[in-house]
Amino acid sequence: MKLSIITINLNNASGLRKTIESVVSQSSRDFEYIVIDGGSTDGSIEVIKEFETRITYWISEPDNGIYHAMNKGIRAAQGEYCQFLNSGDWLVNELVVEKILNVIPDCDIFIGNVITTRPDGKIRVGKALREVSFMTFYRSTLPHSSAYIRRSLYDKYGLYDESLLIVGDWKWYLVVAGLHDANIVFTDIAVSFFDSNGISNRDKLLANAERRKVLKELIPSPILADYDKYNFEIDQIDRIKRYPLFYRIVWFFERCLFKVDKWKATYCGWQRSIR
């Protein structure tokens, strides 16, 4: 078996239906489909039962969160690669699995493009990266719904950290791709639609706090301090490029009204870097 598609769900019956329909309509049958439900009470079980002849394995029981559910799916998976298509996300068309299986090379992780759907109805087509650096994980992460992850990586590096509520996949990617240089190949094939209404996009403060906790666990303090200093300067330059008028006003007040050494130390360095 080449591929295991894993869907996790909790009380999202309408999103789950959309996800399942996109999977079971695939032209290829060379994959297994696993659905892990967290004990839903909103009609999700009825949706699963409606399609259960097309689902290889499913279970519905209370769990300890997103990553506990994902780990259940990994343990059940028999495919060489795993793809996580959580409820609310869906495959772009009925040919995408066949297309991917025809071109997937011998690599650790194969990543295609994601089309993000926003709450206002707008969509954004995210092109797959061409390289991975530490900055990848500082600014964002690698996509999940369009990634085909070799199942043996979970045996080698471990499953997702179930103590985290939001950034368990980010941490796993950081360890495997950022710190251990997994072999990642990118393709320009559009794979999935991603529903941006999930918790990771709603609770930015918690996500940032969890990322900080992970970085402190994994990165030596002196390196992390230098990294923070460097990226603070980069962030300031990015902000000035996006909001030039606002920062010209800040510069005016700093120079003309608040000639205090600590203000100069904070702003003058990065102001010189963009003038």
Protein backbone atom coordinates (compact mmCIF):
# COMPACT_ATOMS: atom_id res chain seq x y z
CA MET A 1 0.00 0.00 0.00
CA LYS A 2 1.54 3.30 -1.10
CA LEU A 3 -0.65 5.83 0.73
CA SER A 4 -2.71 6.23 3.89
CA ILE A 5 -5.06 9.24 3.93
CA ILE A 6 -5.99 10.13 7.52
CA THR A 7 -8.88 12.37 8.56
CA ILE A 8 -9.47 13.47 12.16
CA ASN A 9 -12.74 15.04 13.22
CA LEU A 10 -14.67 16.36 16.19
CA ASN A 11 -18.19 17.74 15.81
CA ASN A 12 -17.71 19.04 12.27
CA ALA A 13 -20.22 16.97 10.33
CA SER A 14 -20.56 19.33 7.37
CA GLY A 15 -16.79 19.71 7.00
CA LEU A 16 -16.30 15.98 7.42
CA ARG A 17 -18.77 15.24 4.62
CA LYS A 18 -16.89 17.57 2.27
CA THR A 19 -13.59 15.89 3.17
CA ILE A 20 -14.84 12.32 2.82
CA GLU A 21 -16.59 13.03 -0.50
CA SER A 22 -13.35 14.40 -1.95
CA VAL A 23 -11.46 11.26 -0.90
CA VAL A 24 -13.92 8.55 -1.92
CA SER A 25 -14.42 10.18 -5.35
CA GLN A 26 -10.76 9.68 -6.29
CA SER A 27 -10.03 7.89 -9.56
CA SER A 28 -7.19 5.97 -7.90
CA ARG A 29 -7.95 3.20 -5.41
CA ASP A 30 -4.32 2.62 -4.43
CA PHE A 31 -4.72 4.02 -0.94
CA GLU A 32 -6.39 3.28 2.37
CA TYR A 33 -8.64 5.76 4.14
CA ILE A 34 -8.64 6.16 7.91
CA VAL A 35 -11.08 8.34 9.86
CA ILE A 36 -10.47 9.12 13.54
CA ASP A 37 -13.41 10.76 15.30
CA GLY A 38 -13.18 12.14 18.83
CA GLY A 39 -16.63 11.04 19.99
CA SER A 40 -18.71 13.54 18.03
CA THR A 41 -22.34 14.19 18.95
CA ASP A 42 -23.35 16.40 16.01
CA GLY A 43 -24.17 13.82 13.35
CA SER A 44 -20.59 13.12 12.28
CA ILE A 45 -20.99 9.40 13.04
CA GLU A 46 -23.95 9.20 10.69
CA VAL A 47 -21.82 10.79 7.96
CA ILE A 48 -19.06 8.22 8.54
CA LYS A 49 -21.52 5.33 8.44
CA GLU A 50 -22.95 6.66 5.18
CA PHE A 51 -19.53 6.17 3.57
CA GLU A 52 -18.13 3.34 5.68
CA THR A 53 -17.91 0.87 2.77
CA ARG A 54 -15.31 3.25 1.27
CA ILE A 55 -13.46 3.78 4.55
CA THR A 56 -10.74 1.27 5.43
CA TYR A 57 -10.78 1.91 9.17
CA TRP A 58 -12.66 4.26 11.45
CA ILE A 59 -13.18 4.76 15.14
CA SER A 60 -15.15 7.19 17.29
CA GLU A 61 -14.15 7.64 20.91
CA PRO A 62 -13.07 10.50 23.19
CA ASP A 63 -9.45 11.52 22.79
CA ASN A 64 -6.99 13.99 24.31
CA GLY A 65 -6.87 16.44 21.45
CA ILE A 66 -5.79 16.94 17.85
CA TYR A 67 -2.40 15.27 18.10
CA HIS A 68 -3.67 12.30 20.09
CA ALA A 69 -6.17 11.73 17.26
CA MET A 70 -3.49 12.12 14.59
CA ASN A 71 -1.23 9.67 16.39
CA LYS A 72 -4.08 7.15 16.46
CA GLY A 73 -4.30 7.49 12.71
CA ILE A 74 -0.56 6.94 12.29
CA ARG A 75 -0.64 3.81 14.42
CA ALA A 76 -3.45 2.41 12.27
CA ALA A 77 -1.79 3.34 8.96
CA GLN A 78 -0.31 0.64 6.74
CA GLY A 79 0.77 2.84 3.82
CA GLU A 80 4.29 3.83 2.91
CA TYR A 81 3.23 7.50 3.06
CA CYS A 82 0.70 9.31 5.25
CA GLN A 83 -1.38 12.33 4.25
CA PHE A 84 -3.44 14.24 6.83
CA LEU A 85 -6.64 15.66 5.40
CA ASN A 86 -8.53 16.84 8.43
CA SER A 87 -12.28 17.49 8.44
CA GLY A 88 -13.05 20.69 6.55
CA ASP A 89 -10.11 20.25 4.17
CA TRP A 90 -10.63 18.60 0.80
CA LEU A 91 -8.72 17.38 -2.26
CA VAL A 92 -8.74 19.72 -5.25
CA ASN A 93 -10.26 17.21 -7.68
CA GLU A 94 -10.84 13.49 -8.23
CA LEU A 95 -7.53 12.99 -10.08
CA VAL A 96 -5.07 14.39 -7.56
CA VAL A 97 -4.22 11.12 -5.75
CA GLU A 98 -3.61 9.35 -9.05
CA LYS A 99 -1.43 12.22 -10.23
CA ILE A 100 0.61 12.29 -7.02
CA LEU A 101 1.13 8.52 -6.92
CA ASN A 102 2.39 8.62 -10.50
CA VAL A 103 5.08 11.22 -9.79
CA ILE A 104 6.05 10.81 -6.12
CA PRO A 105 9.81 10.21 -5.95
CA ASP A 106 11.80 8.26 -3.39
CA CYS A 107 11.93 10.90 -0.67
CA ASP A 108 11.03 11.45 2.99
CA ILE A 109 8.38 14.12 2.42
CA PHE A 110 6.70 15.13 -0.83
CA ILE A 111 4.84 18.45 -0.71
CA GLY A 112 2.41 20.04 -3.15
CA ASN A 113 0.52 23.32 -3.21
CA VAL A 114 -2.30 24.27 -0.83
CA ILE A 115 -5.24 26.52 -1.64
CA THR A 116 -6.29 28.31 1.57
CA THR A 117 -9.93 29.30 2.03
CA ARG A 118 -10.42 32.33 4.26
CA PRO A 119 -13.43 33.17 6.45
CA ASP A 120 -14.36 36.04 4.10
CA GLY A 121 -14.63 33.61 1.19
CA LYS A 122 -11.40 34.65 -0.50
CA ILE A 123 -8.83 32.05 -1.47
CA ARG A 124 -5.04 32.15 -1.58
CA VAL A 125 -2.97 29.74 -3.61
CA GLY A 126 0.14 28.88 -1.64
CA LYS A 127 3.04 27.74 -3.78
CA ALA A 128 5.19 24.99 -2.31
CA LEU A 129 8.59 26.15 -1.09
CA ARG A 130 11.75 25.25 -2.89
CA GLU A 131 13.98 25.03 0.15
CA VAL A 132 13.68 24.72 3.92
CA SER A 133 15.60 26.88 6.39
CA PHE A 134 15.21 27.79 10.03
CA MET A 135 13.42 30.93 8.84
CA THR A 136 10.72 28.63 7.44
CA PHE A 137 9.77 27.72 10.98
CA TYR A 138 10.22 31.21 12.40
CA ARG A 139 7.72 32.71 9.97
CA SER A 140 5.43 29.76 9.33
CA THR A 141 5.80 26.01 8.81
CA LEU A 142 5.48 23.37 6.12
CA PRO A 143 1.96 22.56 4.89
CA HIS A 144 0.25 19.45 6.20
CA SER A 145 -2.79 18.72 4.05
CA SER A 146 -0.67 18.66 0.87
CA ALA A 147 2.23 16.69 2.35
CA TYR A 148 2.97 13.01 1.85
CA ILE A 149 5.06 11.91 4.81
CA ARG A 150 6.96 8.66 4.85
CA ARG A 151 5.41 6.51 7.57
CA SER A 152 8.81 5.29 8.84
CA LEU A 153 9.75 8.85 9.90
CA TYR A 154 7.32 8.52 12.80
CA ASP A 155 9.13 5.38 13.93
CA LYS A 156 12.48 7.13 13.66
CA TYR A 157 11.66 10.54 15.18
CA GLY A 158 8.51 9.84 17.17
CA LEU A 159 4.88 10.83 16.87
CA TYR A 160 3.31 14.24 17.43
CA ASP A 161 3.72 15.85 20.86
CA GLU A 162 0.35 15.37 22.52
CA SER A 163 1.11 17.93 25.23
CA LEU A 164 0.74 20.69 22.62
CA LEU A 165 -2.67 22.00 21.58
CA ILE A 166 -1.80 23.78 18.33
CA VAL A 167 1.81 23.46 17.14
CA GLY A 168 2.50 19.73 17.43
CA ASP A 169 2.85 19.38 13.65
CA TRP A 170 5.07 22.49 13.55
CA LYS A 171 7.34 20.96 16.21
CA TRP A 172 7.49 17.63 14.37
CA TYR A 173 8.45 19.33 11.11
CA LEU A 174 11.05 21.44 12.93
CA VAL A 175 12.69 18.33 14.39
CA VAL A 176 12.54 16.19 11.25
CA ALA A 177 13.12 18.78 8.52
CA GLY A 178 14.80 21.63 10.40
CA LEU A 179 17.15 19.75 12.72
CA HIS A 180 17.61 16.39 10.98
CA ASP A 181 17.56 17.44 7.32
CA ALA A 182 14.90 15.07 6.02
CA ASN A 183 14.84 14.69 2.25
CA ILE A 184 11.98 16.95 1.10
CA VAL A 185 10.83 17.30 -2.50
CA PHE A 186 8.38 19.99 -3.62
CA THR A 187 6.00 19.84 -6.56
CA ASP A 188 3.88 22.52 -8.22
CA ILE A 189 0.80 20.28 -8.21
CA ALA A 190 -2.22 21.72 -6.36
CA VAL A 191 -3.25 19.06 -3.84
CA SER A 192 -5.75 20.34 -1.31
CA PHE A 193 -8.00 23.11 -0.06
CA PHE A 194 -7.22 24.11 3.53
CA ASP A 195 -9.91 25.47 5.83
CA SER A 196 -8.31 28.39 7.71
CA ASN A 197 -11.01 28.45 10.41
CA GLY A 198 -9.13 25.94 12.58
CA ILE A 199 -7.87 26.63 16.10
CA SER A 200 -4.29 27.28 14.96
CA ASN A 201 -5.54 30.31 13.01
CA ARG A 202 -7.98 31.53 15.69
CA ASP A 203 -5.70 31.50 18.74
CA LYS A 204 -2.48 33.17 17.61
CA LEU A 205 -1.37 33.99 21.17
CA LEU A 206 -1.49 30.35 22.27
CA ALA A 207 0.23 29.23 19.08
CA ASN A 208 3.06 31.71 19.61
CA ALA A 209 3.43 30.71 23.27
CA GLU A 210 3.66 27.05 22.31
CA ARG A 211 6.22 27.77 19.58
CA ARG A 212 8.33 29.69 22.07
CA LYS A 213 8.16 26.78 24.52
CA VAL A 214 9.28 24.34 21.82
CA LEU A 215 12.18 26.55 20.71
CA LYS A 216 13.43 26.84 24.28
CA GLU A 217 13.36 23.05 24.56
CA LEU A 218 15.18 22.40 21.30
CA ILE A 219 17.56 25.35 20.74
CA PRO A 220 20.49 26.29 23.06
CA SER A 221 19.83 29.61 24.81
CA PRO A 222 22.78 31.62 23.35
CA ILE A 223 21.84 30.61 19.80
CA LEU A 224 18.18 31.39 20.42
CA ALA A 225 19.08 34.83 21.81
CA ASP A 226 21.14 35.70 18.72
CA TYR A 227 18.38 34.37 16.51
CA ASP A 228 15.76 36.52 18.26
CA LYS A 229 17.92 39.62 17.90
CA TYR A 230 18.49 39.04 14.20
CA ASN A 231 14.85 38.36 13.46
CA PHE A 232 13.69 41.39 15.45
CA GLU A 233 15.69 43.52 13.02
CA ILE A 234 14.29 41.63 10.02
CA ASP A 235 10.74 42.07 11.32
CA GLN A 236 11.23 45.81 11.74
CA ILE A 237 12.42 46.15 8.15
CA ASP A 238 9.45 44.10 6.92
CA ARG A 239 7.04 46.30 8.84
CA ILE A 240 8.57 49.48 7.45
CA LYS A 241 8.24 48.18 3.91
CA ARG A 242 4.55 47.42 4.52
CA TYR A 243 3.72 50.62 6.45
CA PRO A 244 6.24 53.28 5.33
CA LEU A 245 4.14 56.32 6.31
CA PHE A 246 3.60 55.08 9.88
CA TYR A 247 7.30 54.48 10.43
CA ARG A 248 8.26 57.81 8.92
CA ILE A 249 6.04 59.38 11.59
CA VAL A 250 7.75 57.29 14.27
CA TRP A 251 11.11 58.37 12.90
CA PHE A 252 10.03 62.05 13.01
CA PHE A 253 8.94 61.88 16.66
CA GLU A 254 12.04 59.95 17.66
CA ARG A 255 14.38 62.41 16.00
CA CYS A 256 12.57 65.68 16.77
CA LEU A 257 10.74 65.17 20.05
CA PHE A 258 12.21 62.24 21.94
CA LYS A 259 15.97 62.52 21.63
CA VAL A 260 16.61 59.88 24.24
CA ASP A 261 19.45 57.40 23.94
CA LYS A 262 17.33 54.30 24.42
CA TRP A 263 15.02 55.38 21.60
CA LYS A 264 18.01 55.84 19.33
CA ALA A 265 19.34 52.43 20.26
CA THR A 266 16.00 50.84 19.43
CA TYR A 267 15.24 52.51 16.12
CA CYS A 268 18.27 54.16 14.50
CA GLY A 269 20.04 50.94 13.54
CA TRP A 270 17.23 49.49 11.45
CA GLN A 271 16.27 52.90 10.09
CA ARG A 272 19.75 53.28 8.63
CA SER A 273 19.47 49.82 7.11
CA ILE A 274 16.55 50.84 4.89
CA ARG A 275 17.50 54.43 4.00
